[in-house]
Amino acid sequence: LPSTKATKPAPPSHPCRPPPTHEMFITKVTFQETTRRFVVNEPCTYSELWDLVAKRFELPETATGRLRYTDPDGDLISLSTDGELQEALQLVSNADPPLLRMQLALDQKEGATAAASTWCGALSDDKSKGDDESEDSVVVVDGEEEEAGAEEAAAAAAAAAKEAEEKAQALAAEQQALEAAAQAEEEKKRKEEDEEANRLAAIELAKQLEEEEKQRVEAEAAKRMAEEEEKRRKAEEEEKNRLAAIELAKQLEEEERVEAERRRQEEEEEAAKRAEAAAKRAAEEEARRKEEEEEEEE
């Protein structure tokens, strides 16, 4: 794999630290017995990451090397391109927190020795190993420090104090950035929960309104059916009454006809009786008249 030459420290507004609106990753780089912690924001190129690593480990400009990480299969993968860096970040993007652990390997023995002598004096005597170190692990200072003079020790102590202060400030800034990101994520989650609750409430309200509308339509349909049934019942009753009236009228008419026929028959019988009586009286009168004539003739 191609090696990358370390460059001069980047200006304060390093390209690896864009506005916090981008996704952030925690990166821990281990060199020998020292581990340093970075907060990397996307997008970030491999060259920018190397510049940041070279600055934090105080590598000389002539130092070249590579960054390596262990993938989920347990293989040690070297980084040298932007694509490989993005692939490594993608592997840890779903972790909580998103942490990428890498190892720094220098290509030349001379470069490694120069780098160790450059930054070993800036570390304290405490020794911490492991992946969960906060800002920087501590490297054991070799025997050359014991031979250094008092002035070198004082300068190293001053440099260590300055570096510790810078580390504390950087750690505080990174912590604030992480807290701000966590707060933004929490706010985003809360808004999403509120939106989901509002959406579910709207769905429930829509269902309730739909059910009420359904009940209203069913009630109106039942009312119309009842009105139509009542209207039909009244129509049937009126028709029944009409037919009954017609039947009654026919019955009365028949009774009147029968009564008229009876009266006619009685009148005819009465007339016949009167005619018969008149005829009888006429016959008696004729007989009496004949008797009188016979008597007169005698």
Protein backbone atom coordinates (compact mmCIF):
# COMPACT_ATOMS: atom_id res chain seq x y z
CA LEU A 1 0.00 0.00 0.00
CA PRO A 2 1.23 3.53 -0.69
CA SER A 3 2.48 5.54 2.28
CA THR A 4 1.50 9.09 3.09
CA LYS A 5 3.97 11.77 4.07
CA ALA A 6 3.09 13.81 7.15
CA THR A 7 2.54 17.49 6.54
CA LYS A 8 2.70 20.59 8.69
CA PRO A 9 -0.02 21.09 11.31
CA ALA A 10 -3.22 22.41 9.79
CA PRO A 11 -4.68 25.81 10.73
CA PRO A 12 -7.24 26.00 13.57
CA SER A 13 -10.20 25.63 11.23
CA HIS A 14 -9.08 22.19 10.10
CA PRO A 15 -11.11 20.71 7.22
CA CYS A 16 -11.72 17.65 9.38
CA ARG A 17 -13.82 19.82 11.66
CA PRO A 18 -16.68 21.24 9.52
CA PRO A 19 -19.81 22.71 11.08
CA PRO A 20 -21.50 20.34 13.55
CA THR A 21 -24.38 19.82 11.16
CA HIS A 22 -22.38 16.91 9.63
CA GLU A 23 -22.23 13.43 11.17
CA MET A 24 -19.53 13.05 13.81
CA PHE A 25 -17.29 10.06 14.49
CA ILE A 26 -14.98 9.37 17.41
CA THR A 27 -11.55 8.17 16.27
CA LYS A 28 -8.91 6.68 18.60
CA VAL A 29 -5.40 6.32 17.12
CA THR A 30 -2.79 4.21 18.91
CA PHE A 31 0.96 4.60 18.31
CA GLN A 32 3.25 2.36 20.36
CA GLU A 33 1.80 2.72 23.90
CA THR A 34 -0.04 5.99 23.32
CA THR A 35 -3.67 6.41 22.26
CA ARG A 36 -5.08 9.75 21.20
CA ARG A 37 -8.72 10.58 20.71
CA PHE A 38 -10.19 12.72 17.88
CA VAL A 39 -13.65 13.81 16.85
CA VAL A 40 -13.94 13.63 13.06
CA ASN A 41 -16.80 15.16 11.11
CA GLU A 42 -17.85 14.04 7.66
CA PRO A 43 -16.90 14.79 4.98
CA CYS A 44 -13.21 14.28 5.77
CA THR A 45 -10.44 13.14 3.46
CA TYR A 46 -7.62 10.75 4.32
CA SER A 47 -5.04 13.51 3.81
CA GLU A 48 -6.84 15.76 6.28
CA LEU A 49 -7.06 12.93 8.83
CA TRP A 50 -3.32 12.20 8.43
CA ASP A 51 -2.51 15.87 8.94
CA LEU A 52 -4.52 15.85 12.16
CA VAL A 53 -2.85 12.65 13.39
CA ALA A 54 0.62 13.98 12.52
CA LYS A 55 -0.11 17.19 14.44
CA ARG A 56 -1.44 15.43 17.54
CA PHE A 57 1.47 12.95 17.64
CA GLU A 58 3.96 15.72 16.70
CA LEU A 59 5.40 13.70 13.84
CA PRO A 60 8.31 15.20 11.88
CA GLU A 61 7.64 16.37 8.35
CA THR A 62 9.76 13.53 6.97
CA ALA A 63 7.69 10.86 8.71
CA THR A 64 5.61 8.61 6.48
CA GLY A 65 3.30 5.79 7.38
CA ARG A 66 -0.24 4.52 7.31
CA LEU A 67 -3.33 4.14 9.47
CA ARG A 68 -4.81 0.70 10.05
CA TYR A 69 -8.00 -0.63 11.65
CA THR A 70 -9.48 -4.03 12.40
CA ASP A 71 -12.64 -4.87 10.40
CA PRO A 72 -15.54 -7.03 11.71
CA ASP A 73 -13.84 -10.13 10.25
CA GLY A 74 -10.77 -9.53 12.43
CA ASP A 75 -8.50 -8.50 9.54
CA LEU A 76 -6.12 -5.56 9.89
CA ILE A 77 -7.01 -3.10 7.09
CA SER A 78 -4.70 -0.28 5.98
CA LEU A 79 -6.00 3.13 4.94
CA SER A 80 -4.42 5.27 2.24
CA THR A 81 -7.34 6.73 0.21
CA ASP A 82 -10.47 8.73 0.81
CA GLY A 83 -12.65 5.82 -0.28
CA GLU A 84 -11.04 3.45 2.22
CA LEU A 85 -11.55 6.03 4.99
CA GLN A 86 -15.22 6.47 4.09
CA GLU A 87 -15.67 2.69 4.04
CA ALA A 88 -14.13 2.44 7.51
CA LEU A 89 -16.41 5.21 8.82
CA GLN A 90 -19.43 3.47 7.31
CA LEU A 91 -18.59 0.31 9.26
CA VAL A 92 -18.95 2.18 12.57
CA SER A 93 -21.71 4.61 11.53
CA ASN A 94 -24.42 2.55 13.26
CA ALA A 95 -22.47 2.05 16.50
CA ASP A 96 -23.33 3.99 19.66
CA PRO A 97 -21.13 5.93 19.93
CA PRO A 98 -19.63 5.73 16.41
CA LEU A 99 -16.03 4.84 17.34
CA LEU A 100 -13.25 3.96 14.88
CA ARG A 101 -10.10 2.48 16.49
CA MET A 102 -6.93 2.73 14.38
CA GLN A 103 -3.23 2.05 14.71
CA LEU A 104 -0.48 4.33 13.44
CA ALA A 105 2.40 2.62 11.69
CA LEU A 106 5.46 4.60 10.48
CA ASP A 107 7.36 3.32 7.47
CA GLN A 108 10.94 4.22 8.51
CA LYS A 109 12.67 3.25 11.75
CA GLU A 110 14.44 6.60 11.81
CA GLY A 111 11.10 8.39 11.46
CA ALA A 112 9.61 6.39 14.31
CA THR A 113 12.61 7.13 16.57
CA ALA A 114 12.47 10.84 15.75
CA ALA A 115 8.75 10.94 16.36
CA ALA A 116 9.12 9.19 19.72
CA SER A 117 11.82 11.60 20.88
CA THR A 118 9.69 14.57 19.74
CA TRP A 119 6.57 13.88 21.76
CA CYS A 120 7.57 11.48 24.58
CA GLY A 121 8.75 14.34 26.78
CA ALA A 122 5.34 15.99 26.60
CA LEU A 123 3.61 13.10 28.38
CA SER A 124 3.21 12.47 32.11
CA ASP A 125 4.68 9.53 34.02
CA ASP A 126 1.29 7.77 34.32
CA LYS A 127 0.86 4.73 32.09
CA SER A 128 -2.57 3.77 30.72
CA LYS A 129 -3.29 1.18 28.12
CA GLY A 130 -6.58 0.09 26.44
CA ASP A 131 -9.17 1.41 24.05
CA ASP A 132 -11.23 3.41 26.57
CA GLU A 133 -8.61 6.09 27.40
CA SER A 134 -10.17 9.57 27.44
CA GLU A 135 -7.87 12.01 25.60
CA ASP A 136 -4.40 10.44 25.37
CA SER A 137 -2.74 7.34 26.80
CA VAL A 138 0.69 7.78 28.38
CA VAL A 139 3.94 6.36 27.09
CA VAL A 140 6.74 5.25 29.42
CA VAL A 141 9.67 7.64 29.20
CA ASP A 142 12.89 5.84 28.45
CA GLY A 143 16.21 6.24 30.23
CA GLU A 144 17.33 9.18 28.11
CA GLU A 145 15.09 11.49 30.12
CA GLU A 146 17.04 10.74 33.27
CA GLU A 147 20.18 12.06 31.61
CA ALA A 148 18.50 15.29 30.52
CA GLY A 149 19.50 18.43 32.35
CA ALA A 150 17.36 20.53 34.60
CA GLU A 151 16.61 23.00 31.82
CA GLU A 152 15.34 20.28 29.51
CA ALA A 153 13.19 18.86 32.31
CA ALA A 154 11.70 22.30 33.01
CA ALA A 155 11.04 22.86 29.30
CA ALA A 156 9.46 19.43 29.03
CA ALA A 157 7.29 20.14 32.06
CA ALA A 158 6.20 23.48 30.59
CA ALA A 159 5.47 21.84 27.24
CA ALA A 160 3.56 19.06 28.98
CA ALA A 161 1.50 21.60 30.94
CA LYS A 162 0.76 23.56 27.77
CA GLU A 163 -0.17 20.41 25.91
CA ALA A 164 -2.33 19.25 28.81
CA GLU A 165 -4.13 22.59 28.74
CA GLU A 166 -4.61 22.35 24.98
CA LYS A 167 -5.84 18.79 25.38
CA ALA A 168 -8.28 19.85 28.08
CA GLN A 169 -9.58 22.65 25.88
CA ALA A 170 -9.84 20.32 22.90
CA LEU A 171 -11.54 17.68 25.04
CA ALA A 172 -13.99 20.28 26.38
CA ALA A 173 -14.74 21.47 22.84
CA GLU A 174 -15.20 17.90 21.66
CA GLN A 175 -17.40 17.15 24.67
CA GLN A 176 -19.50 20.23 23.92
CA ALA A 177 -19.77 19.15 20.31
CA LEU A 178 -20.83 15.65 21.37
CA GLU A 179 -23.33 17.05 23.87
CA ALA A 180 -24.67 19.43 21.23
CA ALA A 181 -24.98 16.55 18.78
CA ALA A 182 -26.67 14.39 21.41
CA GLN A 183 -29.01 17.24 22.30
CA ALA A 184 -29.79 17.80 18.62
CA GLU A 185 -30.40 14.09 18.17
CA GLU A 186 -32.65 14.04 21.24
CA GLU A 187 -34.53 17.08 19.98
CA LYS A 188 -34.88 15.44 16.58
CA LYS A 189 -36.12 12.25 18.24
CA ARG A 190 -38.58 14.23 20.37
CA LYS A 191 -39.87 16.07 17.31
CA GLU A 192 -40.23 12.79 15.45
CA GLU A 193 -42.11 11.31 18.42
CA ASP A 194 -44.33 14.39 18.58
CA GLU A 195 -44.96 14.19 14.84
CA GLU A 196 -45.75 10.49 15.14
CA ALA A 197 -48.08 11.16 18.07
CA ASN A 198 -49.78 13.94 16.10
CA ARG A 199 -50.04 11.67 13.09
CA LEU A 200 -51.59 8.88 15.16
CA ALA A 201 -53.92 11.38 16.83
CA ALA A 202 -54.94 12.69 13.41
CA ILE A 203 -55.58 9.13 12.22
CA GLU A 204 -57.61 8.40 15.35
CA LEU A 205 -59.57 11.63 14.91
CA ALA A 206 -60.18 10.80 11.26
CA LYS A 207 -61.43 7.33 12.28
CA GLN A 208 -63.68 8.88 14.92
CA LEU A 209 -65.08 11.41 12.45
CA GLU A 210 -65.56 8.64 9.89
CA GLU A 211 -67.40 6.52 12.46
CA GLU A 212 -69.57 9.48 13.46
CA GLU A 213 -70.32 10.19 9.80
CA LYS A 214 -71.16 6.52 9.28
CA GLN A 215 -73.51 6.57 12.28
CA ARG A 216 -75.11 9.79 11.02
CA VAL A 217 -75.67 8.31 7.56
CA GLU A 218 -77.09 5.12 9.07
CA ALA A 219 -79.38 7.17 11.35
CA GLU A 220 -80.60 9.25 8.41
CA ALA A 221 -81.17 6.09 6.36
CA ALA A 222 -83.10 4.50 9.23
CA LYS A 223 -85.15 7.69 9.61
CA ARG A 224 -85.95 7.75 5.89
CA MET A 225 -86.93 4.10 6.00
CA ALA A 226 -89.19 4.75 9.01
CA GLU A 227 -90.78 7.73 7.26
CA GLU A 228 -91.29 5.72 4.08
CA GLU A 229 -92.76 2.85 6.11
CA GLU A 230 -95.11 5.23 7.89
CA LYS A 231 -96.06 6.80 4.58
CA ARG A 232 -96.74 3.37 3.08
CA ARG A 233 -98.80 2.33 6.11
CA LYS A 234 -100.90 5.48 5.86
CA ALA A 235 -101.38 4.95 2.13
CA GLU A 236 -102.50 1.37 2.74
CA GLU A 237 -104.85 2.50 5.49
CA GLU A 238 -106.31 5.23 3.26
CA GLU A 239 -106.78 2.71 0.43
CA LYS A 240 -108.44 0.30 2.84
CA ASN A 241 -110.76 3.03 4.07
CA ARG A 242 -111.52 4.04 0.47
CA LEU A 243 -112.41 0.49 -0.48
CA ALA A 244 -114.50 0.14 2.66
CA ALA A 245 -116.36 3.34 1.78
CA ILE A 246 -116.97 2.07 -1.74
CA GLU A 247 -118.23 -1.23 -0.35
CA LEU A 248 -120.47 0.57 2.11
CA ALA A 249 -121.83 2.78 -0.65
CA LYS A 250 -122.59 -0.28 -2.76
CA GLN A 251 -124.25 -1.92 0.19
CA LEU A 252 -126.39 1.13 0.88
CA GLU A 253 -127.23 1.41 -2.79
CA GLU A 254 -128.28 -2.24 -2.85
CA GLU A 255 -130.38 -1.78 0.24
CA GLU A 256 -132.07 1.26 -1.31
CA ARG A 257 -132.70 -0.69 -4.50
CA VAL A 258 -134.21 -3.59 -2.55
CA GLU A 259 -136.30 -1.19 -0.53
CA ALA A 260 -137.53 0.56 -3.69
CA GLU A 261 -138.37 -2.76 -5.27
CA ARG A 262 -140.27 -3.78 -2.16
CA ARG A 263 -142.22 -0.55 -2.14
CA ARG A 264 -142.98 -0.93 -5.86
CA GLN A 265 -144.27 -4.43 -5.33
CA GLU A 266 -146.38 -3.30 -2.40
CA GLU A 267 -147.80 -0.44 -4.48
CA GLU A 268 -148.55 -2.84 -7.33
CA GLU A 269 -150.24 -5.25 -4.96
CA GLU A 270 -152.19 -2.42 -3.38
CA ALA A 271 -153.27 -1.18 -6.83
CA ALA A 272 -154.26 -4.70 -7.83
CA LYS A 273 -156.32 -5.03 -4.68
CA ARG A 274 -158.00 -1.72 -5.30
CA ALA A 275 -158.69 -2.67 -8.91
CA GLU A 276 -160.09 -6.02 -7.80
CA ALA A 277 -162.27 -4.33 -5.20
CA ALA A 278 -163.47 -1.78 -7.73
CA ALA A 279 -164.24 -4.55 -10.21
CA LYS A 280 -166.09 -6.43 -7.51
CA ARG A 281 -168.07 -3.39 -6.57
CA ALA A 282 -168.82 -2.74 -10.25
CA ALA A 283 -169.98 -6.32 -10.70
CA GLU A 284 -172.16 -6.12 -7.61
CA GLU A 285 -173.54 -2.83 -8.81
CA GLU A 286 -174.31 -4.35 -12.21
CA ALA A 287 -175.93 -7.32 -10.61
CA ARG A 288 -178.01 -5.15 -8.34
CA ARG A 289 -178.98 -2.98 -11.31
CA LYS A 290 -180.07 -6.03 -13.29
CA GLU A 291 -182.11 -7.29 -10.37
CA GLU A 292 -183.87 -3.97 -10.11
CA GLU A 293 -184.61 -4.01 -13.82
CA GLU A 294 -185.94 -7.49 -13.61
CA GLU A 295 -188.13 -6.54 -10.71
CA GLU A 296 -189.45 -3.55 -12.62
CA GLU A 297 -190.23 -5.69 -15.63
CA GLU A 298 -192.14 -8.08 -13.54
